[in-house]
Amino acid sequence: MDRDNLSFGMKVIIVIFAIILVVSLMLPFFSSCSIGGSSTGSTTDESQTDTSSLSTVADVDSAYRDKIATLSAKYESDSTSLLSVANMGNAYMEWAQELASVADSSSSEDADHVAQTYAQAIPYYDAYLEQEPDSNVVRMKRAICEYFGGDEQQGLADMEALASSAKDFSPVQYYLGTMYEDQGEYDLAASAYADALTADQSNSYNLAYSALIRMSLLSQYGDASSSSVDVASSSLDAGGSDSADGIVGGLALDTSASSQG
């Protein structure tokens, strides 16, 4: 698809649809993923908000402006606190995700609002990475915010670089697949999903069956090889399983340093 030749209205529709597509894949993972390091820590992420009653852009904005105000007070009292910095970045990212889920697909104003809110998370993730540059979860979230915050190519490039340096961290491979899928690069998407399976054959991140579903769907487009699905499926540890209501699962991470964090 030649995006340069599309009308502005069609570009807006594609942007909103793409955001909703990828957000629908990401939300189960991020709903229980507090950024940082160790998977055994007890520190909780305070940025999560009850969104069950939010159905309009105005509802979402109101809820998250209140959340940001509360978190900002804590952040301003100690801007070097990893937890405070993480919570600010997570709150803006979550805000953007919720906006995308209720945005008017025909509204350029809504599209800009979603992108700008994603972009607001980036400075906080940068501040976090200044103290913990090896945090793969934060680097991954930053790349996602960059991608949906108005710089698709740089966001994709950053995710590709992270996937190359963190081959054993399957969530990065998985979300690289969602970006390739959004770009219409179905062979690359299927390969990334296969890499996610290879990186986590015991299915400890609960990504396996979601990746297999995506690969199976991609094979129907005709570009992605259906043999990739069979190979990836056979490599999966038989003991892994995903629940229907939590395919992507999540990470319980605290704010201590870790190579995976």
Protein backbone atom coordinates (compact mmCIF):
# COMPACT_ATOMS: atom_id res chain seq x y z
CA MET A 1 0.00 0.00 0.00
CA ASP A 2 1.39 3.40 -1.03
CA ARG A 3 0.54 5.60 1.95
CA ASP A 4 1.98 8.71 0.28
CA ASN A 5 -0.80 8.68 -2.33
CA LEU A 6 -3.68 8.32 0.13
CA SER A 7 -6.06 11.17 0.91
CA PHE A 8 -5.73 12.90 4.29
CA GLY A 9 -9.04 11.43 5.46
CA MET A 10 -7.95 7.89 4.57
CA LYS A 11 -4.63 8.43 6.36
CA VAL A 12 -6.50 9.47 9.51
CA ILE A 13 -8.68 6.34 9.33
CA ILE A 14 -5.62 4.12 8.83
CA VAL A 15 -3.76 5.74 11.74
CA ILE A 16 -6.68 5.33 14.15
CA PHE A 17 -7.37 1.76 12.98
CA ALA A 18 -3.70 0.80 13.28
CA ILE A 19 -3.46 2.23 16.79
CA ILE A 20 -6.59 0.39 17.91
CA LEU A 21 -5.29 -2.84 16.32
CA VAL A 22 -1.98 -2.77 18.10
CA VAL A 23 -3.43 -1.41 21.36
CA SER A 24 -5.87 -4.34 21.39
CA LEU A 25 -2.87 -6.65 21.21
CA MET A 26 -0.85 -4.79 23.82
CA LEU A 27 -3.29 -3.89 26.59
CA PRO A 28 -3.38 -7.32 28.35
CA PHE A 29 0.42 -7.25 28.62
CA PHE A 30 0.75 -3.68 29.85
CA SER A 31 -2.19 -3.85 32.25
CA SER A 32 -0.02 -5.88 34.64
CA CYS A 33 3.44 -4.72 33.63
CA SER A 34 5.14 -2.22 35.91
CA ILE A 35 8.44 -1.17 34.47
CA GLY A 36 11.81 -1.79 35.98
CA GLY A 37 13.86 -4.88 36.54
CA SER A 38 13.43 -8.00 38.60
CA SER A 39 10.45 -10.23 37.97
CA THR A 40 10.23 -11.08 41.64
CA GLY A 41 10.07 -7.62 43.17
CA SER A 42 7.16 -6.27 45.18
CA THR A 43 7.10 -2.66 44.00
CA THR A 44 3.79 -1.82 42.34
CA ASP A 45 3.02 0.52 39.46
CA GLU A 46 0.65 3.28 40.56
CA SER A 47 -0.17 4.51 37.05
CA GLN A 48 -3.01 2.06 36.30
CA THR A 49 -6.51 3.53 36.24
CA ASP A 50 -9.96 1.91 36.28
CA THR A 51 -11.18 2.55 32.73
CA SER A 52 -14.30 0.38 32.70
CA SER A 53 -16.65 3.38 32.69
CA LEU A 54 -14.74 5.52 30.18
CA SER A 55 -16.50 5.68 26.82
CA THR A 56 -15.61 9.06 25.29
CA VAL A 57 -12.48 11.11 24.70
CA ALA A 58 -13.72 13.62 27.28
CA ASP A 59 -14.17 10.85 29.87
CA VAL A 60 -10.66 9.54 29.26
CA ASP A 61 -9.11 13.01 29.37
CA SER A 62 -10.85 13.83 32.65
CA ALA A 63 -9.77 10.61 34.35
CA TYR A 64 -6.17 10.85 33.25
CA ARG A 65 -5.74 14.55 33.93
CA ASP A 66 -6.70 13.77 37.52
CA LYS A 67 -4.28 10.82 37.55
CA ILE A 68 -1.46 12.89 36.09
CA ALA A 69 -2.05 15.64 38.65
CA THR A 70 -1.71 13.14 41.50
CA LEU A 71 1.38 11.49 40.05
CA SER A 72 2.96 14.84 39.17
CA ALA A 73 2.87 15.92 42.81
CA LYS A 74 4.85 12.82 43.77
CA TYR A 75 7.20 13.24 40.84
CA GLU A 76 7.91 16.88 41.63
CA SER A 77 8.76 16.00 45.22
CA ASP A 78 11.46 13.59 44.00
CA SER A 79 12.09 13.65 40.26
CA THR A 80 14.94 11.14 40.62
CA SER A 81 12.69 8.39 42.00
CA LEU A 82 12.55 5.58 39.45
CA LEU A 83 9.04 4.66 40.51
CA SER A 84 7.77 8.22 40.14
CA VAL A 85 9.41 8.59 36.73
CA ALA A 86 8.05 5.22 35.62
CA ASN A 87 4.55 6.02 36.79
CA MET A 88 4.51 9.30 34.85
CA GLY A 89 5.59 7.59 31.62
CA ASN A 90 3.17 4.72 32.14
CA ALA A 91 0.27 7.08 32.88
CA TYR A 92 0.75 8.99 29.64
CA MET A 93 1.11 5.76 27.66
CA GLU A 94 -2.00 4.27 29.24
CA TRP A 95 -3.86 7.55 28.60
CA ALA A 96 -2.94 7.36 24.91
CA GLN A 97 -3.99 3.72 24.68
CA GLU A 98 -7.37 4.47 26.20
CA LEU A 99 -7.82 7.49 23.91
CA ALA A 100 -7.14 5.28 20.89
CA SER A 101 -9.82 2.84 21.99
CA VAL A 102 -12.56 5.53 22.04
CA ALA A 103 -11.29 7.95 19.37
CA ASP A 104 -13.42 8.97 16.39
CA SER A 105 -11.78 7.32 13.38
CA SER A 106 -12.81 10.24 11.15
CA SER A 107 -11.34 12.94 13.39
CA SER A 108 -7.89 14.33 12.66
CA GLU A 109 -8.13 16.15 16.01
CA ASP A 110 -8.53 12.83 17.84
CA ALA A 111 -5.65 11.32 15.88
CA ASP A 112 -3.39 14.23 16.81
CA HIS A 113 -4.48 14.02 20.45
CA VAL A 114 -3.60 10.32 20.62
CA ALA A 115 -0.19 10.91 19.03
CA GLN A 116 0.63 13.87 21.26
CA THR A 117 -0.28 11.92 24.39
CA TYR A 118 1.98 9.03 23.41
CA ALA A 119 4.77 11.53 22.79
CA GLN A 120 4.37 12.98 26.29
CA ALA A 121 5.46 9.66 27.81
CA ILE A 122 8.83 9.70 26.04
CA PRO A 123 10.68 12.29 28.20
CA TYR A 124 9.86 10.28 31.33
CA TYR A 125 11.09 7.05 29.78
CA ASP A 126 14.24 8.93 28.73
CA ALA A 127 14.72 10.06 32.33
CA TYR A 128 14.28 6.48 33.52
CA LEU A 129 16.82 5.21 30.99
CA GLU A 130 19.37 7.79 32.16
CA GLN A 131 19.48 5.86 35.45
CA GLU A 132 18.76 2.36 34.12
CA PRO A 133 19.92 2.27 30.47
CA ASP A 134 19.58 -1.51 30.23
CA SER A 135 15.87 -1.64 31.02
CA ASN A 136 14.42 -3.54 28.07
CA VAL A 137 10.82 -3.02 29.18
CA VAL A 138 11.29 0.76 29.26
CA ARG A 139 13.14 0.79 25.96
CA MET A 140 10.30 -1.25 24.45
CA LYS A 141 7.63 1.09 25.80
CA ARG A 142 9.57 4.11 24.59
CA ALA A 143 9.78 2.68 21.06
CA ILE A 144 6.03 2.02 21.06
CA CYS A 145 5.31 5.58 22.18
CA GLU A 146 7.68 6.90 19.55
CA TYR A 147 5.99 4.82 16.85
CA PHE A 148 2.48 5.99 17.74
CA GLY A 149 3.63 9.45 18.79
CA GLY A 150 4.32 10.59 15.26
CA ASP A 151 7.66 9.01 14.31
CA GLU A 152 6.84 5.56 12.95
CA GLN A 153 10.17 4.98 11.25
CA GLN A 154 12.29 5.91 14.27
CA GLY A 155 10.06 3.92 16.59
CA LEU A 156 10.34 0.89 14.33
CA ALA A 157 14.11 1.34 14.04
CA ASP A 158 14.47 1.54 17.82
CA MET A 159 12.35 -1.59 18.29
CA GLU A 160 14.40 -3.42 15.66
CA ALA A 161 17.63 -2.43 17.43
CA LEU A 162 16.24 -3.59 20.76
CA ALA A 163 15.05 -6.87 19.26
CA SER A 164 18.55 -7.42 17.92
CA SER A 165 20.22 -6.82 21.29
CA ALA A 166 17.57 -8.53 23.43
CA LYS A 167 16.93 -11.71 21.47
CA ASP A 168 15.93 -13.63 24.61
CA PHE A 169 13.27 -11.11 25.67
CA SER A 170 10.22 -12.38 23.79
CA PRO A 171 7.88 -9.40 24.39
CA VAL A 172 10.18 -7.20 22.30
CA GLN A 173 10.10 -9.71 19.43
CA TYR A 174 6.32 -9.93 19.74
CA TYR A 175 5.68 -6.18 19.66
CA LEU A 176 8.14 -5.79 16.79
CA GLY A 177 5.82 -8.21 15.01
CA THR A 178 2.82 -5.97 15.70
CA MET A 179 4.69 -3.01 14.18
CA TYR A 180 5.62 -4.98 11.08
CA GLU A 181 2.02 -6.12 10.80
CA ASP A 182 0.84 -2.51 11.02
CA GLN A 183 3.30 -1.63 8.24
CA GLY A 184 1.97 -4.43 6.02
CA GLU A 185 5.29 -6.29 6.24
CA TYR A 186 3.66 -9.66 6.83
CA ASP A 187 6.72 -11.87 6.24
CA LEU A 188 8.74 -9.81 8.71
CA ALA A 189 5.84 -9.86 11.19
CA ALA A 190 5.56 -13.66 11.02
CA SER A 191 9.32 -13.96 11.50
CA ALA A 192 9.22 -11.69 14.55
CA TYR A 193 6.38 -13.70 16.09
CA ALA A 194 8.38 -16.88 15.46
CA ASP A 195 11.38 -15.26 17.18
CA ALA A 196 9.14 -14.48 20.17
CA LEU A 197 8.25 -18.15 20.41
CA THR A 198 11.87 -19.26 20.06
CA ALA A 199 12.95 -16.82 22.78
CA ASP A 200 10.43 -18.18 25.27
CA GLN A 201 9.72 -21.84 24.52
CA SER A 202 8.41 -22.41 28.04
CA ASN A 203 5.82 -19.64 27.46
CA SER A 204 6.77 -17.82 30.67
CA TYR A 205 5.46 -14.51 29.27
CA ASN A 206 2.16 -16.03 28.06
CA LEU A 207 2.75 -14.77 24.54
CA ALA A 208 2.93 -18.09 22.71
CA TYR A 209 -0.61 -18.70 21.60
CA SER A 210 -1.24 -15.07 20.74
CA ALA A 211 1.83 -15.20 18.49
CA LEU A 212 0.63 -18.43 16.89
CA ILE A 213 -2.79 -16.90 16.24
CA ARG A 214 -1.20 -13.85 14.60
CA MET A 215 1.05 -16.07 12.48
CA SER A 216 -1.86 -18.21 11.38
CA LEU A 217 -3.84 -15.13 10.34
CA LEU A 218 -0.84 -13.66 8.54
CA SER A 219 -0.35 -16.86 6.54
CA GLN A 220 -3.78 -16.23 5.02
CA TYR A 221 -2.55 -12.99 3.45
CA GLY A 222 -0.36 -15.03 1.17
CA ASP A 223 2.91 -13.26 1.99
CA ALA A 224 3.79 -14.94 5.27
CA SER A 225 4.80 -18.56 4.97
CA SER A 226 2.35 -20.98 6.56
CA SER A 227 5.29 -23.29 7.28
CA SER A 228 6.48 -20.77 9.88
CA VAL A 229 3.37 -21.55 11.91
CA ASP A 230 4.10 -25.29 11.92
CA VAL A 231 7.76 -24.80 12.83
CA ALA A 232 6.97 -22.35 15.62
CA SER A 233 4.19 -24.54 16.96
CA SER A 234 6.43 -27.59 17.13
CA SER A 235 9.10 -25.62 19.01
CA LEU A 236 6.68 -24.55 21.75
CA ASP A 237 6.95 -26.34 25.08
CA ALA A 238 3.83 -28.49 25.44
CA GLY A 239 3.39 -27.31 29.01
CA GLY A 240 2.61 -23.70 28.10
CA SER A 241 -0.92 -22.39 27.84
CA ASP A 242 -2.74 -19.07 27.68
CA SER A 243 -6.12 -18.21 29.14
CA ALA A 244 -8.71 -16.84 26.71
CA ASP A 245 -9.08 -13.61 28.67
CA GLY A 246 -5.36 -12.93 29.13
CA ILE A 247 -3.53 -14.07 26.02
CA VAL A 248 -0.62 -11.69 26.33
CA GLY A 249 -0.33 -11.95 30.11
CA GLY A 250 2.13 -9.59 31.75
CA LEU A 251 5.24 -8.99 33.79
CA ALA A 252 5.39 -8.27 37.50
CA LEU A 253 8.47 -6.05 37.53
CA ASP A 254 9.82 -3.69 40.14
CA THR A 255 12.25 -0.79 39.76
CA SER A 256 15.52 -2.60 40.44
CA ALA A 257 18.08 -3.07 37.69
CA SER A 258 18.01 -6.16 35.51
CA SER A 259 19.16 -7.14 32.04
CA GLN A 260 15.57 -7.95 31.13
CA GLY A 261 13.97 -5.05 33.02
